[in-house]
């Protein structure tokens, strides 16, 4: 049996917390490339879309003619992980918005669901796929997932207004979170994504 290939991880670096993702992946020994234009996508095996401003990122992806090629790569099977704004861009529907998005994740999302920057918070989440120890999660102007299609598996939820809302989901090779694992020392979520990329999860 041959060893699983170590993927070259593209990290979208147009705006937002991309450096923190690069650092988290580097701690796991992953090779990364910051993606700022279409030619940077050549040769990458997977993509991370960081948190930031989803409207700005969607506009830049459109203006740089990267939106459609990236959608095609993901639809063709390239693994992708989106955190916060990245989750918003991945979803097929954004409540109250027609902003540019990739639309590859069968879910409906609400932006800024927990309020403004001052309403940011941290929570310990139980995610069985990552083991028994709770995962520390940082929520900053975070979205929540309102509904999901049949192929989407919910990995973690938080309580909001008396309801349990999804904040981490997986649809095949598409992974998305409302929170920012890159802002904590815990690398289990990035390791989980790399395992997906290697076909081990």
Protein backbone atom coordinates (compact mmCIF):
# COMPACT_ATOMS: atom_id res chain seq x y z
CA UNK A 1 0.00 0.00 0.00
CA UNK A 2 1.37 3.42 -0.91
CA UNK A 3 1.40 6.25 1.62
CA UNK A 4 -1.24 8.94 1.26
CA UNK A 5 0.00 11.98 -0.59
CA UNK A 6 0.60 15.12 1.42
CA UNK A 7 -1.57 17.74 -0.27
CA UNK A 8 -0.51 21.21 -1.33
CA UNK A 9 -3.04 23.41 0.46
CA UNK A 10 -4.05 26.66 -1.17
CA UNK A 11 -5.14 29.33 1.32
CA UNK A 12 -7.21 32.11 -0.22
CA UNK A 13 -5.28 35.27 0.68
CA UNK A 14 -7.42 38.08 -0.73
CA UNK A 15 -8.59 39.34 2.65
CA UNK A 16 -9.22 38.12 6.20
CA UNK A 17 -7.46 35.73 8.57
CA UNK A 18 -5.49 33.72 6.02
CA UNK A 19 -2.12 34.01 7.82
CA UNK A 20 -3.54 32.25 10.87
CA UNK A 21 -4.68 29.32 8.73
CA UNK A 22 -1.26 29.11 7.10
CA UNK A 23 0.36 29.03 10.55
CA UNK A 24 -2.01 26.33 11.84
CA UNK A 25 -1.38 24.15 8.79
CA UNK A 26 2.38 24.72 9.07
CA UNK A 27 2.27 23.41 12.65
CA UNK A 28 0.96 20.16 11.18
CA UNK A 29 3.72 20.04 8.58
CA UNK A 30 1.40 20.82 5.64
CA UNK A 31 2.71 22.56 2.53
CA UNK A 32 0.72 25.72 1.76
CA UNK A 33 0.46 28.38 -0.92
CA UNK A 34 -1.22 31.75 -0.52
CA UNK A 35 -3.68 32.17 -3.40
CA UNK A 36 -4.18 35.75 -4.62
CA UNK A 37 -4.89 35.26 -8.31
CA UNK A 38 -6.03 32.58 -10.69
CA UNK A 39 -2.56 31.37 -11.60
CA UNK A 40 -1.84 30.61 -7.92
CA UNK A 41 -4.48 27.86 -8.08
CA UNK A 42 -2.41 25.81 -10.53
CA UNK A 43 -1.12 22.67 -8.82
CA UNK A 44 -2.94 23.03 -5.51
CA UNK A 45 -4.77 19.97 -4.20
CA UNK A 46 -7.18 21.67 -1.82
CA UNK A 47 -8.31 25.11 -0.65
CA UNK A 48 -8.95 26.90 2.63
CA UNK A 49 -11.22 29.96 2.54
CA UNK A 50 -10.67 32.04 5.69
CA UNK A 51 -12.84 34.34 7.73
CA UNK A 52 -13.09 38.01 6.82
CA UNK A 53 -15.73 40.01 4.94
CA UNK A 54 -17.73 37.66 2.73
CA UNK A 55 -19.08 40.43 0.51
CA UNK A 56 -15.57 41.78 -0.13
CA UNK A 57 -14.15 38.33 -0.76
CA UNK A 58 -16.98 37.42 -3.14
CA UNK A 59 -16.49 40.64 -5.09
CA UNK A 60 -12.73 40.13 -5.32
CA UNK A 61 -13.18 36.53 -6.48
CA UNK A 62 -15.52 37.80 -9.19
CA UNK A 63 -13.33 40.73 -10.24
CA UNK A 64 -10.23 38.52 -10.39
CA UNK A 65 -12.15 35.92 -12.45
CA UNK A 66 -11.51 33.27 -9.81
CA UNK A 67 -15.07 32.53 -8.69
CA UNK A 68 -16.11 30.21 -11.52
CA UNK A 69 -12.80 28.30 -11.76
CA UNK A 70 -12.80 27.75 -7.99
CA UNK A 71 -16.43 26.57 -8.09
CA UNK A 72 -15.53 24.17 -10.91
CA UNK A 73 -12.57 22.75 -8.97
CA UNK A 74 -14.68 22.16 -5.86
CA UNK A 75 -17.56 20.68 -7.87
CA UNK A 76 -15.02 18.40 -9.50
CA UNK A 77 -13.98 16.98 -6.14
CA UNK A 78 -11.28 19.27 -4.75
CA UNK A 79 -11.54 19.37 -0.94
CA UNK A 80 -12.31 22.77 0.56
CA UNK A 81 -12.63 24.16 4.06
CA UNK A 82 -14.31 27.49 4.80
CA UNK A 83 -14.34 29.22 8.19
CA UNK A 84 -16.82 32.02 9.01
CA UNK A 85 -16.86 34.14 5.83
CA UNK A 86 -15.58 31.06 4.01
CA UNK A 87 -18.65 29.15 5.17
CA UNK A 88 -20.91 31.94 3.85
CA UNK A 89 -19.24 31.84 0.44
CA UNK A 90 -19.61 28.07 0.22
CA UNK A 91 -23.37 28.00 0.96
CA UNK A 92 -25.93 27.79 -1.84
CA UNK A 93 -28.17 30.40 -0.17
CA UNK A 94 -27.43 33.43 2.03
CA UNK A 95 -30.41 34.77 3.94
CA UNK A 96 -31.39 38.21 2.62
CA UNK A 97 -28.46 38.49 0.22
CA UNK A 98 -27.67 37.85 -3.44
CA UNK A 99 -23.95 38.52 -2.99
CA UNK A 100 -21.53 36.44 -5.06
CA UNK A 101 -20.93 33.01 -3.58
CA UNK A 102 -19.62 29.61 -4.63
CA UNK A 103 -22.89 27.86 -3.76
CA UNK A 104 -21.39 24.37 -3.50
CA UNK A 105 -22.60 23.55 0.04
CA UNK A 106 -26.27 22.58 0.26
CA UNK A 107 -27.11 24.87 3.16
CA UNK A 108 -28.81 28.16 4.01
CA UNK A 109 -26.74 30.54 6.13
CA UNK A 110 -27.46 33.67 8.16
CA UNK A 111 -24.66 36.23 8.36
CA UNK A 112 -23.67 37.97 11.62
CA UNK A 113 -26.18 35.77 13.45
CA UNK A 114 -24.78 36.45 16.92
CA UNK A 115 -24.49 40.22 16.56
CA UNK A 116 -21.66 42.68 16.12
CA UNK A 117 -17.93 42.44 16.86
CA UNK A 118 -18.53 43.23 20.54
CA UNK A 119 -20.78 40.17 20.75
CA UNK A 120 -17.92 37.81 19.85
CA UNK A 121 -17.51 34.85 22.21
CA UNK A 122 -15.75 31.56 22.80
CA UNK A 123 -17.33 28.17 23.43
CA UNK A 124 -16.20 24.59 23.95
CA UNK A 125 -17.81 22.36 21.34
CA UNK A 126 -18.34 18.62 21.42
CA UNK A 127 -17.31 17.19 18.05
CA UNK A 128 -17.18 13.37 18.20
CA UNK A 129 -15.06 13.17 15.02
CA UNK A 130 -12.27 15.01 16.87
CA UNK A 131 -12.35 12.93 20.05
CA UNK A 132 -13.83 13.25 23.51
CA UNK A 133 -12.07 16.47 24.51
CA UNK A 134 -14.14 19.60 23.69
CA UNK A 135 -12.81 21.85 20.92
CA UNK A 136 -12.29 25.52 21.83
CA UNK A 137 -14.10 27.65 19.25
CA UNK A 138 -13.88 31.40 18.65
CA UNK A 139 -16.98 33.09 17.19
CA UNK A 140 -16.45 36.58 15.67
CA UNK A 141 -19.47 38.15 13.92
CA UNK A 142 -20.24 34.54 13.16
CA UNK A 143 -22.85 33.09 10.82
CA UNK A 144 -25.11 30.14 11.63
CA UNK A 145 -26.53 27.51 9.33
CA UNK A 146 -30.33 27.63 9.25
CA UNK A 147 -30.96 24.49 7.22
CA UNK A 148 -29.08 21.80 5.35
CA UNK A 149 -29.70 19.38 2.51
CA UNK A 150 -29.72 15.58 2.86
CA UNK A 151 -26.04 15.14 1.98
CA UNK A 152 -24.84 17.55 4.69
CA UNK A 153 -23.75 16.12 8.04
CA UNK A 154 -23.83 18.42 11.07
CA UNK A 155 -20.66 18.08 13.15
CA UNK A 156 -21.39 20.63 15.89
CA UNK A 157 -24.22 22.84 17.14
CA UNK A 158 -24.69 25.72 19.57
CA UNK A 159 -27.83 26.93 21.27
CA UNK A 160 -29.23 30.19 19.92
CA UNK A 161 -32.61 31.73 20.78
CA UNK A 162 -33.87 28.45 22.17
CA UNK A 163 -32.83 26.40 19.12
CA UNK A 164 -29.82 24.26 18.27
CA UNK A 165 -28.04 25.77 15.29
CA UNK A 166 -25.39 24.08 13.17
CA UNK A 167 -21.94 25.71 13.33
CA UNK A 168 -19.82 22.95 11.73
CA UNK A 169 -20.84 20.79 8.77
CA UNK A 170 -19.42 18.40 6.23
CA UNK A 171 -20.71 17.52 2.78
CA UNK A 172 -18.36 14.98 1.24
CA UNK A 173 -15.06 16.83 0.76
CA UNK A 174 -16.56 20.19 1.71
CA UNK A 175 -15.98 21.26 5.33
CA UNK A 176 -17.26 24.48 6.88
CA UNK A 177 -17.40 26.14 10.30
CA UNK A 178 -18.96 29.29 11.74
CA UNK A 179 -16.03 29.60 14.12
CA UNK A 180 -12.28 30.18 13.80
CA UNK A 181 -10.18 27.15 14.84
CA UNK A 182 -7.11 28.91 13.45
CA UNK A 183 -7.28 31.42 16.33
CA UNK A 184 -6.62 28.75 18.98
CA UNK A 185 -3.62 26.48 19.62
CA UNK A 186 -5.81 23.41 18.99
CA UNK A 187 -5.00 22.01 15.52
CA UNK A 188 -7.44 19.07 15.55
CA UNK A 189 -9.86 20.65 13.10
CA UNK A 190 -7.11 21.41 10.58
CA UNK A 191 -5.80 17.87 11.04
CA UNK A 192 -9.31 16.56 10.36
CA UNK A 193 -9.41 18.58 7.14
CA UNK A 194 -6.01 17.29 6.05
CA UNK A 195 -7.24 13.75 6.67
CA UNK A 196 -10.19 14.47 4.35
CA UNK A 197 -7.73 15.76 1.76
CA UNK A 198 -5.68 12.57 2.01
CA UNK A 199 -8.79 10.43 1.74
CA UNK A 200 -8.26 9.07 5.25
CA UNK A 201 -11.42 10.44 6.88
